[in-house]
Amino acid sequence: MVRAKSMRAITQLKTKLRRVLVLVGCVLASGVCTTSTACYGRGSGLFAAVATTAIVTAVVVSATRPPPPRVIVVPEPRTGYVWDPGHWTLSDGAWVWVDGRWVAAEPGYMWSPTHWVERPDGSWELVPGRWVAAAPPAPAPPPPPG
């Protein structure tokens, strides 16, 4: 029952996201607005400016624990990139493996990879990978006295 409800909610969310993405795509393809500043003050153009700058996020939740991560040979390090390991996700109620990838490094930040966390209610939530500010370097020790 809980799984059916969560799957129904996920399906409804996917449908809403598709509609928003189609709408944003239509606005962008229409050529009504080529830059966000060109849209202000033109009635529906204002909506286009907002739609083109909106960030759509979906929360992926599962009533069951995801499968264990696959054992993958990590490629050799690449200068200027960090490795984002693969992870499981849900697609139409089935577990699907998403392969790892290289992500361009961001100076001053550390990559926190996509991972699953268990919620207090026992369900599982997919936490997307993101950049986290790196701790500033420790100050140099004071010179010795004398």
C-alpha atoms as a PDB file:
ATOM      1  CA  MET A   1       0.000   0.000   0.000  1.00  0.00           C
ATOM      2  CA  VAL A   2       2.763   2.461   0.942  1.00  0.00           C
ATOM      3  CA  ARG A   3       4.796   1.490  -2.131  1.00  0.00           C
ATOM      4  CA  ALA A   4       1.768   1.922  -4.386  1.00  0.00           C
ATOM      5  CA  LYS A   5       1.131   5.405  -2.948  1.00  0.00           C
ATOM      6  CA  SER A   6       4.763   6.448  -3.331  1.00  0.00           C
ATOM      7  CA  MET A   7       4.911   5.084  -6.884  1.00  0.00           C
ATOM      8  CA  ARG A   8       1.692   6.935  -7.769  1.00  0.00           C
ATOM      9  CA  ALA A   9       3.136  10.145  -6.303  1.00  0.00           C
ATOM     10  CA  ILE A  10       6.354   9.686  -8.283  1.00  0.00           C
ATOM     11  CA  THR A  11       4.386   9.096 -11.499  1.00  0.00           C
ATOM     12  CA  GLN A  12       2.306  12.245 -10.884  1.00  0.00           C
ATOM     13  CA  LEU A  13       5.455  14.261 -10.195  1.00  0.00           C
ATOM     14  CA  LYS A  14       7.089  12.984 -13.395  1.00  0.00           C
ATOM     15  CA  THR A  15       3.995  13.997 -15.381  1.00  0.00           C
ATOM     16  CA  LYS A  16       4.061  17.503 -13.889  1.00  0.00           C
ATOM     17  CA  LEU A  17       7.784  17.849 -14.579  1.00  0.00           C
ATOM     18  CA  ARG A  18       7.317  16.783 -18.203  1.00  0.00           C
ATOM     19  CA  ARG A  19       4.609  19.436 -18.627  1.00  0.00           C
ATOM     20  CA  VAL A  20       6.837  22.153 -17.146  1.00  0.00           C
ATOM     21  CA  LEU A  21       9.794  21.111 -19.303  1.00  0.00           C
ATOM     22  CA  VAL A  22       7.635  21.066 -22.441  1.00  0.00           C
ATOM     23  CA  LEU A  23       6.316  24.523 -21.572  1.00  0.00           C
ATOM     24  CA  VAL A  24       9.808  25.896 -20.964  1.00  0.00           C
ATOM     25  CA  GLY A  25      11.030  24.261 -24.169  1.00  0.00           C
ATOM     26  CA  CYS A  26       8.195  25.834 -26.148  1.00  0.00           C
ATOM     27  CA  VAL A  27       8.973  29.265 -24.717  1.00  0.00           C
ATOM     28  CA  LEU A  28      12.653  28.893 -25.571  1.00  0.00           C
ATOM     29  CA  ALA A  29      11.971  27.513 -29.056  1.00  0.00           C
ATOM     30  CA  SER A  30       9.441  30.248 -29.854  1.00  0.00           C
ATOM     31  CA  GLY A  31      12.142  32.896 -29.944  1.00  0.00           C
ATOM     32  CA  VAL A  32       9.920  35.210 -27.884  1.00  0.00           C
ATOM     33  CA  CYS A  33      12.715  35.698 -25.440  1.00  0.00           C
ATOM     34  CA  THR A  34      16.381  35.403 -26.329  1.00  0.00           C
ATOM     35  CA  THR A  35      17.739  36.970 -23.144  1.00  0.00           C
ATOM     36  CA  SER A  36      16.123  37.409 -19.765  1.00  0.00           C
ATOM     37  CA  THR A  37      16.584  41.203 -19.870  1.00  0.00           C
ATOM     38  CA  ALA A  38      14.827  41.435 -23.252  1.00  0.00           C
ATOM     39  CA  CYS A  39      11.652  39.938 -21.752  1.00  0.00           C
ATOM     40  CA  TYR A  40      10.886  42.348 -18.952  1.00  0.00           C
ATOM     41  CA  GLY A  41       7.882  44.602 -19.442  1.00  0.00           C
ATOM     42  CA  ARG A  42       6.265  42.639 -22.285  1.00  0.00           C
ATOM     43  CA  GLY A  43       3.321  40.927 -20.622  1.00  0.00           C
ATOM     44  CA  SER A  44       3.802  37.206 -21.290  1.00  0.00           C
ATOM     45  CA  GLY A  45       7.497  37.873 -21.892  1.00  0.00           C
ATOM     46  CA  LEU A  46       7.902  38.332 -18.151  1.00  0.00           C
ATOM     47  CA  PHE A  47       6.641  34.773 -17.677  1.00  0.00           C
ATOM     48  CA  ALA A  48       9.192  33.619 -20.261  1.00  0.00           C
ATOM     49  CA  ALA A  49      11.990  35.283 -18.283  1.00  0.00           C
ATOM     50  CA  VAL A  50      10.879  33.564 -15.099  1.00  0.00           C
ATOM     51  CA  ALA A  51      10.375  30.207 -16.837  1.00  0.00           C
ATOM     52  CA  THR A  52      13.803  30.281 -18.435  1.00  0.00           C
ATOM     53  CA  THR A  53      15.530  30.937 -15.124  1.00  0.00           C
ATOM     54  CA  ALA A  54      13.535  28.458 -13.030  1.00  0.00           C
ATOM     55  CA  ILE A  55      15.242  25.391 -11.627  1.00  0.00           C
ATOM     56  CA  VAL A  56      13.073  22.285 -11.516  1.00  0.00           C
ATOM     57  CA  THR A  57      13.978  19.708  -8.888  1.00  0.00           C
ATOM     58  CA  ALA A  58      12.375  16.363  -8.190  1.00  0.00           C
ATOM     59  CA  VAL A  59      12.775  14.315  -5.040  1.00  0.00           C
ATOM     60  CA  VAL A  60      13.190  10.592  -5.677  1.00  0.00           C
ATOM     61  CA  VAL A  61      11.888   8.507  -2.771  1.00  0.00           C
ATOM     62  CA  SER A  62      11.596   4.741  -2.445  1.00  0.00           C
ATOM     63  CA  ALA A  63       9.768   2.626   0.099  1.00  0.00           C
ATOM     64  CA  THR A  64      12.458  -0.045  -0.283  1.00  0.00           C
ATOM     65  CA  ARG A  65      16.215   0.045   0.210  1.00  0.00           C
ATOM     66  CA  PRO A  66      18.148   0.541  -3.049  1.00  0.00           C
ATOM     67  CA  PRO A  67      20.347  -2.331  -4.253  1.00  0.00           C
ATOM     68  CA  PRO A  68      24.002  -2.216  -3.180  1.00  0.00           C
ATOM     69  CA  PRO A  69      26.278  -0.136  -5.432  1.00  0.00           C
ATOM     70  CA  ARG A  70      27.920  -1.981  -8.294  1.00  0.00           C
ATOM     71  CA  VAL A  71      31.611  -2.760  -8.073  1.00  0.00           C
ATOM     72  CA  ILE A  72      33.232  -0.599 -10.733  1.00  0.00           C
ATOM     73  CA  VAL A  73      36.880  -0.061 -11.602  1.00  0.00           C
ATOM     74  CA  VAL A  74      37.431   3.678 -11.179  1.00  0.00           C
ATOM     75  CA  PRO A  75      39.241   5.179 -14.164  1.00  0.00           C
ATOM     76  CA  GLU A  76      42.649   6.821 -13.783  1.00  0.00           C
ATOM     77  CA  PRO A  77      42.410  10.373 -12.360  1.00  0.00           C
ATOM     78  CA  ARG A  78      41.988  13.192 -14.881  1.00  0.00           C
ATOM     79  CA  THR A  79      43.482  16.601 -14.225  1.00  0.00           C
ATOM     80  CA  GLY A  80      40.759  19.170 -13.609  1.00  0.00           C
ATOM     81  CA  TYR A  81      38.011  16.574 -12.998  1.00  0.00           C
ATOM     82  CA  VAL A  82      36.582  14.531 -10.143  1.00  0.00           C
ATOM     83  CA  TRP A  83      34.964  11.103 -10.478  1.00  0.00           C
ATOM     84  CA  ASP A  84      31.252  10.895  -9.693  1.00  0.00           C
ATOM     85  CA  PRO A  85      30.551   7.205  -8.988  1.00  0.00           C
ATOM     86  CA  GLY A  86      27.446   5.564 -10.372  1.00  0.00           C
ATOM     87  CA  HIS A  87      24.256   5.079  -8.356  1.00  0.00           C
ATOM     88  CA  TRP A  88      20.863   3.388  -8.480  1.00  0.00           C
ATOM     89  CA  THR A  89      17.731   5.346  -9.316  1.00  0.00           C
ATOM     90  CA  LEU A  90      14.077   4.476  -9.884  1.00  0.00           C
ATOM     91  CA  SER A  91      12.546   4.548 -13.342  1.00  0.00           C
ATOM     92  CA  ASP A  92       8.898   3.531 -13.660  1.00  0.00           C
ATOM     93  CA  GLY A  93       9.176   1.524 -10.439  1.00  0.00           C
ATOM     94  CA  ALA A  94      12.290  -0.412 -11.463  1.00  0.00           C
ATOM     95  CA  TRP A  95      15.845   0.045 -10.202  1.00  0.00           C
ATOM     96  CA  VAL A  96      18.166   1.368 -12.913  1.00  0.00           C
ATOM     97  CA  TRP A  97      21.941   1.819 -12.619  1.00  0.00           C
ATOM     98  CA  VAL A  98      23.307   5.243 -13.628  1.00  0.00           C
ATOM     99  CA  ASP A  99      26.955   4.972 -14.710  1.00  0.00           C
ATOM    100  CA  GLY A 100      29.641   7.101 -13.096  1.00  0.00           C
ATOM    101  CA  ARG A 101      31.022  10.149 -14.885  1.00  0.00           C
ATOM    102  CA  TRP A 102      33.733  12.769 -14.763  1.00  0.00           C
ATOM    103  CA  VAL A 103      32.669  16.169 -13.402  1.00  0.00           C
ATOM    104  CA  ALA A 104      34.726  19.302 -14.072  1.00  0.00           C
ATOM    105  CA  ALA A 105      36.393  20.374 -10.822  1.00  0.00           C
ATOM    106  CA  GLU A 106      35.284  23.584  -9.116  1.00  0.00           C
ATOM    107  CA  PRO A 107      38.148  25.340  -7.286  1.00  0.00           C
ATOM    108  CA  GLY A 108      37.413  25.751  -3.579  1.00  0.00           C
ATOM    109  CA  TYR A 109      34.742  23.023  -3.581  1.00  0.00           C
ATOM    110  CA  MET A 110      34.558  19.282  -2.989  1.00  0.00           C
ATOM    111  CA  TRP A 111      32.173  16.970  -4.867  1.00  0.00           C
ATOM    112  CA  SER A 112      29.586  15.181  -2.727  1.00  0.00           C
ATOM    113  CA  PRO A 113      28.380  12.299  -4.931  1.00  0.00           C
ATOM    114  CA  THR A 114      24.778  11.218  -5.451  1.00  0.00           C
ATOM    115  CA  HIS A 115      23.737   8.805  -2.685  1.00  0.00           C
ATOM    116  CA  TRP A 116      20.734   7.342  -0.883  1.00  0.00           C
ATOM    117  CA  VAL A 117      19.825   8.191   2.732  1.00  0.00           C
ATOM    118  CA  GLU A 118      17.245   6.514   4.911  1.00  0.00           C
ATOM    119  CA  ARG A 119      14.519   8.836   6.197  1.00  0.00           C
ATOM    120  CA  PRO A 120      13.108   8.625   9.739  1.00  0.00           C
ATOM    121  CA  ASP A 121       9.932   6.979   8.346  1.00  0.00           C
ATOM    122  CA  GLY A 122      11.981   4.110   6.850  1.00  0.00           C
ATOM    123  CA  SER A 123      11.745   5.288   3.235  1.00  0.00           C
ATOM    124  CA  TRP A 124      14.835   6.100   1.164  1.00  0.00           C
ATOM    125  CA  GLU A 125      15.639   9.425  -0.520  1.00  0.00           C
ATOM    126  CA  LEU A 126      18.065   9.987  -3.383  1.00  0.00           C
ATOM    127  CA  VAL A 127      20.351  12.944  -2.605  1.00  0.00           C
ATOM    128  CA  PRO A 128      21.729  14.434  -5.839  1.00  0.00           C
ATOM    129  CA  GLY A 129      25.450  15.068  -6.198  1.00  0.00           C
ATOM    130  CA  ARG A 130      26.499  18.624  -5.417  1.00  0.00           C
ATOM    131  CA  TRP A 131      29.440  20.883  -4.757  1.00  0.00           C
ATOM    132  CA  VAL A 132      30.251  21.586  -1.105  1.00  0.00           C
ATOM    133  CA  ALA A 133      32.512  24.454  -0.064  1.00  0.00           C
ATOM    134  CA  ALA A 134      35.867  23.078   0.993  1.00  0.00           C
ATOM    135  CA  ALA A 135      37.137  24.027   4.437  1.00  0.00           C
ATOM    136  CA  PRO A 136      39.604  26.881   4.216  1.00  0.00           C
ATOM    137  CA  PRO A 137      43.215  25.822   4.703  1.00  0.00           C
ATOM    138  CA  ALA A 138      44.450  25.921   8.264  1.00  0.00           C
ATOM    139  CA  PRO A 139      46.440  29.058   9.084  1.00  0.00           C
ATOM    140  CA  ALA A 140      50.195  28.688   9.126  1.00  0.00           C
ATOM    141  CA  PRO A 141      51.600  28.051  12.608  1.00  0.00           C
ATOM    142  CA  PRO A 142      53.217  31.056  14.268  1.00  0.00           C
ATOM    143  CA  PRO A 143      56.988  31.260  14.029  1.00  0.00           C
ATOM    144  CA  PRO A 144      58.863  29.784  16.982  1.00  0.00           C
ATOM    145  CA  PRO A 145      59.713  32.289  19.703  1.00  0.00           C
ATOM    146  CA  GLY A 146      63.180  33.617  19.941  1.00  0.00           C
END
